[in-house]
Amino acid sequence: MNKLLPKTVGIYLFKKFLITFLIILFCLLAVIFIFDLVELLRRAVDKNVLQFQDLIVLSLLKLPEVGQQVFTFAILFTAIFIFWQLTKKHELVILRSVGLSVWQFIMPVILCAFLIGVVKITVINPLGVLLVERYETLEAEFFSRKSNPISLSNQGLWMRQEVNNQSVILHAKDIKLPSWELEEVTLFFFDPNGNFQKRVDAPRGSIDKNLWILKQAVENQVSLPPNQQETYLFETNMTRQQLEENFSSPETVSFWDFPENIKRLEATGLNANQMKVYFQNLLSQPLLFMAMILLAATVSLRPPRAQGGFLLLILGIGIGFLVFFSSNFLQALGISGQIPLFIAAWFPAIISFVLGIGLLMNLEDG
């Protein structure tokens, strides 16, 4: 009969995994940071006013959002390394000799991976959204890139854009899709220095190609009487497709805001599939991280003579990329509506978890 895992051993494995994970994650993030910094340096060649510290700040602001994509690899590589070390040093032989099964001494590692997944989606993801918003603002400022921030809230549509050396803020109380008919539309015009120029109000409007078309508009300028126009045309650099893609961009939404954003998109008639798949995929992350532990155990918990450091590395990279690409492929199918959203988001995690359990049971029984 198997004994209970001693508390001291459980804490030792938990801490060992967590510390190693942080080291590996730091190394992966450092590589990403260097590549981002090099790319920013390339873009900043003609911008003599930019300081090197500005580029470092930009790279750091973008790091949490981009770095979330390497968490799965970090979990997998950490687990392979930990189990390989424990086997190489015969620590697992000692644990087995006192009657402990493989399921018992990998439980602290699985628990740690699960908690890392929870922290990632509840803390790191919202932090990454906040920092990437700041990154986009500074990027537009440093590189003179025109930005068109758009938000859809309970107060309606808000959009800011820069056209013909003017900053324009558009607000519409309601949107009717798919015709993109706007109700109670207001335009605010500002010069390059931020000084108010004029305001245009219309009870309704629409977008056609690259034009906002306002009906029965009233134009109000400083020190001039109101000017009523049957049709007011305003040039925009956004198309309907670009607007819809901007609304459904999940990378700009915090984990805690997904339910409200999904409801808001569905209420306005926009396609919320991408937002739903991304949200469900985030929810599946803790399960996927636990699955990575199980898969790592199947390739690492073997006799030392049957192992090879290079082979383990190749297997780890292969498993990581297989899960990564299959996840992206299924998400694309789910967004396009070709498969159910649940399968698109949860299938990689569930299959990896079940496969890991099956292989580990075979290893343990064998």
Protein backbone atom coordinates (compact mmCIF):
# COMPACT_ATOMS: atom_id res chain seq x y z
CA MET A 1 0.00 0.00 0.00
CA ASN A 2 1.38 3.41 -0.97
CA LYS A 3 2.30 5.79 1.81
CA LEU A 4 1.33 9.43 2.00
CA LEU A 5 3.78 11.89 0.49
CA PRO A 6 5.68 13.55 3.34
CA LYS A 7 4.86 17.27 3.66
CA THR A 8 8.55 18.19 3.52
CA VAL A 9 9.01 16.36 0.21
CA GLY A 10 5.91 18.01 -1.24
CA ILE A 11 7.12 21.49 -0.30
CA TYR A 12 10.59 20.70 -1.68
CA LEU A 13 9.21 19.63 -5.06
CA PHE A 14 6.80 22.59 -5.18
CA LYS A 15 9.53 25.14 -4.45
CA LYS A 16 12.03 23.48 -6.77
CA PHE A 17 9.58 23.58 -9.65
CA LEU A 18 8.50 27.18 -8.98
CA ILE A 19 12.06 28.52 -8.74
CA THR A 20 13.19 26.67 -11.86
CA PHE A 21 10.10 27.87 -13.74
CA LEU A 22 10.84 31.50 -12.85
CA ILE A 23 14.45 31.12 -14.03
CA ILE A 24 13.45 29.52 -17.35
CA LEU A 25 10.66 32.05 -17.86
CA PHE A 26 13.08 34.89 -17.20
CA CYS A 27 15.49 33.48 -19.80
CA LEU A 28 12.74 33.17 -22.42
CA LEU A 29 11.48 36.68 -21.68
CA ALA A 30 15.03 38.02 -21.92
CA VAL A 31 15.33 36.58 -25.44
CA ILE A 32 11.98 38.12 -26.44
CA PHE A 33 13.02 41.46 -24.91
CA ILE A 34 16.28 41.51 -26.89
CA PHE A 35 14.52 40.74 -30.19
CA ASP A 36 11.89 43.44 -29.54
CA LEU A 37 14.61 45.93 -28.60
CA VAL A 38 16.57 45.19 -31.78
CA GLU A 39 13.43 45.68 -33.87
CA LEU A 40 12.71 49.01 -32.14
CA LEU A 41 16.31 50.11 -32.72
CA ARG A 42 15.89 49.33 -36.41
CA ARG A 43 12.71 51.39 -36.56
CA ALA A 44 14.30 54.24 -34.62
CA VAL A 45 17.27 54.71 -36.97
CA ASP A 46 15.71 57.79 -38.57
CA LYS A 47 14.27 59.11 -35.29
CA ASN A 48 17.20 61.05 -33.87
CA VAL A 49 15.10 62.40 -31.01
CA LEU A 50 14.55 58.98 -29.49
CA GLN A 51 16.69 57.98 -26.54
CA PHE A 52 17.85 54.43 -25.88
CA GLN A 53 16.00 54.41 -22.55
CA ASP A 54 12.75 55.19 -24.41
CA LEU A 55 13.18 52.04 -26.48
CA ILE A 56 13.90 50.00 -23.36
CA VAL A 57 10.68 51.28 -21.79
CA LEU A 58 8.73 50.35 -24.92
CA SER A 59 10.18 46.83 -24.93
CA LEU A 60 9.38 46.36 -21.25
CA LEU A 61 5.80 47.59 -21.70
CA LYS A 62 5.20 45.08 -24.49
CA LEU A 63 6.92 42.19 -22.72
CA PRO A 64 4.03 40.97 -20.45
CA GLU A 65 1.58 40.77 -23.35
CA VAL A 66 3.99 38.96 -25.72
CA GLY A 67 5.56 36.91 -22.95
CA GLN A 68 2.28 35.19 -22.09
CA GLN A 69 2.67 33.11 -25.24
CA VAL A 70 5.77 31.34 -23.87
CA PHE A 71 4.23 30.23 -20.56
CA THR A 72 3.28 26.82 -21.93
CA PHE A 73 6.84 26.24 -23.17
CA ALA A 74 8.27 27.42 -19.84
CA ILE A 75 6.03 25.00 -17.90
CA LEU A 76 6.95 22.09 -20.19
CA PHE A 77 10.70 22.76 -20.20
CA THR A 78 10.72 23.23 -16.41
CA ALA A 79 8.92 19.95 -15.80
CA ILE A 80 11.22 18.02 -18.15
CA PHE A 81 14.30 19.53 -16.50
CA ILE A 82 13.06 18.90 -12.94
CA PHE A 83 12.08 15.27 -13.56
CA TRP A 84 15.32 14.64 -15.45
CA GLN A 85 17.35 16.07 -12.57
CA LEU A 86 15.45 14.07 -9.95
CA THR A 87 15.94 10.87 -11.96
CA LYS A 88 19.60 11.56 -12.70
CA LYS A 89 20.33 12.18 -9.00
CA HIS A 90 18.38 9.02 -8.04
CA GLU A 91 16.03 11.06 -5.84
CA LEU A 92 13.00 9.46 -7.49
CA VAL A 93 14.51 6.01 -6.86
CA ILE A 94 14.58 6.85 -3.17
CA LEU A 95 10.97 8.07 -3.23
CA ARG A 96 9.85 4.89 -4.97
CA SER A 97 11.81 2.72 -2.52
CA VAL A 98 9.70 4.02 0.39
CA GLY A 99 6.46 3.08 -1.38
CA LEU A 100 5.57 6.35 -3.14
CA SER A 101 4.01 6.18 -6.61
CA VAL A 102 4.69 8.51 -9.52
CA TRP A 103 1.25 10.07 -9.02
CA GLN A 104 2.13 11.12 -5.49
CA PHE A 105 5.43 12.88 -6.16
CA ILE A 106 4.20 14.72 -9.26
CA MET A 107 1.12 16.12 -7.48
CA PRO A 108 3.01 19.08 -5.91
CA VAL A 109 4.37 19.95 -9.37
CA ILE A 110 0.90 19.69 -10.93
CA LEU A 111 -0.52 21.90 -8.15
CA CYS A 112 2.20 24.50 -8.77
CA ALA A 113 1.47 24.49 -12.52
CA PHE A 114 -2.24 24.93 -11.85
CA LEU A 115 -1.61 27.92 -9.57
CA ILE A 116 0.72 29.47 -12.14
CA GLY A 117 -2.09 29.15 -14.70
CA VAL A 118 -4.56 30.86 -12.37
CA VAL A 119 -2.14 33.72 -11.68
CA LYS A 120 -1.44 34.08 -15.40
CA ILE A 121 -5.06 34.56 -16.43
CA THR A 122 -6.24 36.58 -13.41
CA VAL A 123 -3.23 38.84 -12.78
CA ILE A 124 -0.69 38.79 -15.60
CA ASN A 125 -3.24 38.98 -18.41
CA PRO A 126 -4.96 42.14 -17.06
CA LEU A 127 -1.55 43.67 -16.33
CA GLY A 128 -0.42 42.90 -19.88
CA VAL A 129 -3.52 44.62 -21.31
CA LEU A 130 -2.85 47.77 -19.29
CA LEU A 131 0.81 47.90 -20.27
CA VAL A 132 0.20 47.21 -23.95
CA GLU A 133 -2.26 50.11 -24.05
CA ARG A 134 0.48 52.35 -22.70
CA TYR A 135 2.89 50.82 -25.21
CA GLU A 136 0.62 51.66 -28.14
CA THR A 137 0.23 55.24 -26.91
CA LEU A 138 4.00 55.76 -26.62
CA GLU A 139 4.65 53.96 -29.91
CA ALA A 140 2.28 56.33 -31.71
CA GLU A 141 4.00 59.29 -30.01
CA PHE A 142 7.61 58.20 -30.61
CA PHE A 143 7.20 56.91 -34.15
CA SER A 144 4.58 59.45 -35.31
CA ARG A 145 2.17 56.64 -36.05
CA LYS A 146 -1.47 57.55 -36.43
CA SER A 147 -3.62 55.77 -33.90
CA ASN A 148 -7.35 55.18 -34.04
CA PRO A 149 -8.44 54.08 -30.57
CA ILE A 150 -11.98 52.73 -30.55
CA SER A 151 -14.14 51.68 -27.64
CA LEU A 152 -17.64 50.28 -27.39
CA SER A 153 -19.23 50.88 -23.98
CA ASN A 154 -22.66 51.24 -22.41
CA GLN A 155 -22.51 54.88 -23.50
CA GLY A 156 -22.18 53.85 -27.16
CA LEU A 157 -19.36 54.07 -29.69
CA TRP A 158 -16.31 56.26 -29.12
CA MET A 159 -13.62 56.63 -31.76
CA ARG A 160 -10.66 58.94 -32.14
CA GLN A 161 -8.72 59.40 -35.36
CA GLU A 162 -6.36 61.83 -37.05
CA VAL A 163 -7.23 62.97 -40.56
CA ASN A 164 -5.85 65.96 -42.51
CA ASN A 165 -3.89 67.30 -39.52
CA GLN A 166 -6.98 67.20 -37.35
CA SER A 167 -7.87 65.13 -34.33
CA VAL A 168 -11.49 64.03 -34.44
CA ILE A 169 -13.51 62.29 -31.75
CA LEU A 170 -16.70 60.56 -32.86
CA HIS A 171 -19.45 59.48 -30.49
CA ALA A 172 -22.60 57.58 -31.40
CA LYS A 173 -25.19 56.59 -28.81
CA ASP A 174 -26.28 53.46 -30.66
CA ILE A 175 -25.23 51.28 -33.61
CA LYS A 176 -27.43 49.15 -35.84
CA LEU A 177 -25.66 46.31 -37.60
CA PRO A 178 -24.89 45.04 -40.18
CA SER A 179 -25.83 48.30 -41.93
CA TRP A 180 -23.65 50.34 -39.54
CA GLU A 181 -26.36 52.95 -38.98
CA LEU A 182 -25.53 55.32 -36.14
CA GLU A 183 -27.92 57.22 -33.91
CA GLU A 184 -27.31 60.53 -32.12
CA VAL A 185 -23.88 61.15 -33.65
CA THR A 186 -21.46 63.84 -32.45
CA LEU A 187 -18.12 64.85 -33.96
CA PHE A 188 -15.54 66.96 -32.07
CA PHE A 189 -12.74 68.56 -34.11
CA PHE A 190 -9.39 69.67 -32.66
CA ASP A 191 -6.32 71.23 -34.31
CA PRO A 192 -2.81 69.68 -34.00
CA ASN A 193 -2.25 71.66 -30.77
CA GLY A 194 -5.37 70.22 -29.18
CA ASN A 195 -7.46 73.38 -29.49
CA PHE A 196 -11.19 72.91 -30.07
CA GLN A 197 -12.34 73.90 -33.58
CA LYS A 198 -15.92 72.80 -34.10
CA ARG A 199 -18.65 70.34 -33.24
CA VAL A 200 -21.08 68.54 -35.54
CA ASP A 201 -24.31 66.90 -34.30
CA ALA A 202 -26.65 64.66 -36.27
CA PRO A 203 -29.60 62.46 -35.30
CA ARG A 204 -28.34 59.63 -37.51
CA GLY A 205 -25.46 58.64 -39.73
CA SER A 206 -23.74 55.74 -41.47
CA ILE A 207 -20.40 54.66 -42.89
CA ASP A 208 -19.83 53.96 -46.57
CA LYS A 209 -16.33 52.92 -47.63
CA ASN A 210 -14.12 55.70 -46.21
CA LEU A 211 -16.84 58.23 -45.42
CA TRP A 212 -19.00 58.96 -42.41
CA ILE A 213 -22.34 60.22 -43.77
CA LEU A 214 -24.35 62.31 -41.30
CA LYS A 215 -27.95 63.29 -42.05
CA GLN A 216 -29.56 66.59 -40.94
CA ALA A 217 -26.31 67.64 -39.31
CA VAL A 218 -25.74 70.88 -37.42
CA GLU A 219 -22.23 72.36 -37.50
CA ASN A 220 -21.19 74.62 -34.62
CA GLN A 221 -17.97 76.63 -34.83
CA VAL A 222 -16.52 79.11 -32.38
CA SER A 223 -17.92 82.65 -32.88
CA LEU A 224 -20.09 81.52 -35.82
CA PRO A 225 -23.84 80.79 -35.98
CA PRO A 226 -24.96 77.15 -36.33
CA ASN A 227 -24.83 75.79 -39.87
CA GLN A 228 -27.42 73.13 -40.70
CA GLN A 229 -26.63 70.71 -43.52
CA GLU A 230 -28.85 68.03 -45.01
CA THR A 231 -25.82 65.76 -45.58
CA TYR A 232 -22.46 66.12 -43.87
CA LEU A 233 -19.58 64.04 -45.23
CA PHE A 234 -16.52 63.30 -43.13
CA GLU A 235 -13.51 61.33 -44.39
CA THR A 236 -12.31 58.41 -42.27
CA ASN A 237 -9.32 56.08 -42.56
CA MET A 238 -11.29 53.15 -41.15
CA THR A 239 -13.49 50.69 -43.07
CA ARG A 240 -16.39 48.64 -41.71
CA GLN A 241 -14.22 45.52 -41.65
CA GLN A 242 -11.46 47.32 -39.73
CA LEU A 243 -13.98 48.62 -37.20
CA GLU A 244 -15.44 45.17 -36.62
CA GLU A 245 -11.98 43.62 -36.25
CA ASN A 246 -11.03 46.33 -33.75
CA PHE A 247 -14.11 45.67 -31.63
CA SER A 248 -13.48 41.93 -31.52
CA SER A 249 -9.73 42.14 -30.81
CA PRO A 250 -9.32 40.01 -27.64
CA GLU A 251 -5.71 41.05 -26.98
CA THR A 252 -6.92 44.45 -25.78
CA VAL A 253 -9.41 43.02 -23.26
CA SER A 254 -8.64 42.10 -19.67
CA PHE A 255 -9.64 38.65 -18.42
CA TRP A 256 -12.13 40.19 -15.99
CA ASP A 257 -13.81 42.25 -18.74
CA PHE A 258 -14.46 39.44 -21.22
CA PRO A 259 -18.03 38.53 -20.11
CA GLU A 260 -19.20 42.15 -20.32
CA ASN A 261 -17.46 42.72 -23.68
CA ILE A 262 -18.98 39.56 -25.16
CA LYS A 263 -22.48 40.65 -24.06
CA ARG A 264 -21.90 44.12 -25.50
CA LEU A 265 -20.73 42.75 -28.87
CA GLU A 266 -23.70 40.40 -29.14
CA ALA A 267 -26.11 43.20 -28.18
CA THR A 268 -24.82 45.35 -31.05
CA GLY A 269 -24.88 42.48 -33.54
CA LEU A 270 -21.12 42.09 -33.93
CA ASN A 271 -19.52 38.67 -34.27
CA ALA A 272 -18.24 37.71 -30.82
CA ASN A 273 -16.76 34.31 -31.80
CA GLN A 274 -13.16 35.48 -31.58
CA MET A 275 -13.74 36.99 -28.15
CA LYS A 276 -15.51 33.85 -26.90
CA VAL A 277 -12.81 31.47 -28.16
CA TYR A 278 -10.03 33.60 -26.67
CA PHE A 279 -11.82 33.78 -23.30
CA GLN A 280 -12.47 30.04 -23.18
CA ASN A 281 -8.86 29.42 -24.18
CA LEU A 282 -7.72 31.55 -21.24
CA LEU A 283 -9.93 29.53 -18.91
CA SER A 284 -8.36 26.30 -20.19
CA GLN A 285 -4.79 27.46 -19.41
CA PRO A 286 -4.53 25.91 -15.90
CA LEU A 287 -5.67 22.54 -17.28
CA LEU A 288 -3.22 22.83 -20.17
CA PHE A 289 -0.35 23.58 -17.78
CA MET A 290 -1.20 20.49 -15.73
CA ALA A 291 -1.28 18.47 -18.95
CA MET A 292 2.23 19.70 -19.77
CA ILE A 293 3.43 18.27 -16.45
CA LEU A 294 1.96 14.88 -17.26
CA LEU A 295 3.45 14.84 -20.77
CA ALA A 296 6.83 15.91 -19.42
CA ALA A 297 6.73 13.11 -16.85
CA THR A 298 6.17 10.51 -19.57
CA VAL A 299 9.41 11.47 -21.34
CA SER A 300 11.50 12.23 -18.24
CA LEU A 301 10.65 9.61 -15.63
CA ARG A 302 12.70 6.86 -17.17
CA PRO A 303 15.87 5.09 -16.03
CA PRO A 304 18.95 7.36 -16.42
CA ARG A 305 20.47 5.06 -19.03
CA ALA A 306 17.33 5.37 -21.16
CA GLN A 307 17.49 9.16 -21.09
CA GLY A 308 19.45 11.68 -23.08
CA GLY A 309 19.53 15.40 -22.44
CA PHE A 310 19.41 16.31 -26.13
CA LEU A 311 16.60 13.84 -26.83
CA LEU A 312 14.54 15.26 -23.97
CA LEU A 313 15.07 18.77 -25.30
CA ILE A 314 13.92 17.74 -28.78
CA LEU A 315 10.88 15.95 -27.37
CA GLY A 316 10.01 18.98 -25.23
CA ILE A 317 10.24 21.38 -28.15
CA GLY A 318 8.23 19.00 -30.32
CA ILE A 319 5.45 18.62 -27.76
CA GLY A 320 5.34 22.37 -27.12
CA PHE A 321 5.06 23.32 -30.78
CA LEU A 322 2.52 20.56 -31.46
CA VAL A 323 0.24 21.87 -28.71
CA PHE A 324 0.85 25.49 -29.75
CA PHE A 325 0.04 25.02 -33.44
CA SER A 326 -2.89 22.68 -32.86
CA SER A 327 -4.35 25.21 -30.42
CA ASN A 328 -4.01 28.06 -32.92
CA PHE A 329 -5.46 25.92 -35.72
CA LEU A 330 -8.51 24.91 -33.70
CA GLN A 331 -9.04 28.50 -32.54
CA ALA A 332 -9.09 29.64 -36.17
CA LEU A 333 -11.71 26.99 -36.98
CA GLY A 334 -13.77 28.03 -33.96
CA ILE A 335 -13.64 31.73 -34.85
CA SER A 336 -14.80 30.97 -38.40
CA GLY A 337 -17.68 28.89 -37.00
CA GLN A 338 -16.57 25.59 -38.53
CA ILE A 339 -16.35 23.78 -35.18
CA PRO A 340 -18.03 24.43 -31.79
CA LEU A 341 -16.36 27.08 -29.66
CA PHE A 342 -15.87 24.70 -26.72
CA ILE A 343 -13.90 22.25 -28.87
CA ALA A 344 -11.83 25.05 -30.39
CA ALA A 345 -10.80 26.38 -26.98
CA TRP A 346 -10.65 23.31 -24.72
CA PHE A 347 -9.76 20.41 -27.03
CA PRO A 348 -5.93 20.87 -26.93
CA ALA A 349 -5.91 21.04 -23.12
CA ILE A 350 -8.30 18.10 -22.63
CA ILE A 351 -6.59 15.84 -25.18
CA SER A 352 -3.14 16.67 -23.77
CA PHE A 353 -4.35 15.97 -20.24
CA VAL A 354 -5.99 12.64 -21.11
CA LEU A 355 -3.01 11.58 -23.25
CA GLY A 356 -0.62 12.45 -20.43
CA ILE A 357 -2.60 10.39 -17.91
CA GLY A 358 -2.75 7.42 -20.29
CA LEU A 359 0.96 7.44 -21.08
CA LEU A 360 1.89 7.91 -17.43
CA MET A 361 -0.35 5.02 -16.34
CA ASN A 362 1.32 2.82 -18.94
CA LEU A 363 4.76 3.92 -17.72
CA GLU A 364 3.86 3.30 -14.08
CA ASP A 365 2.32 -0.12 -14.71
CA GLY A 366 5.14 -1.09 -17.05
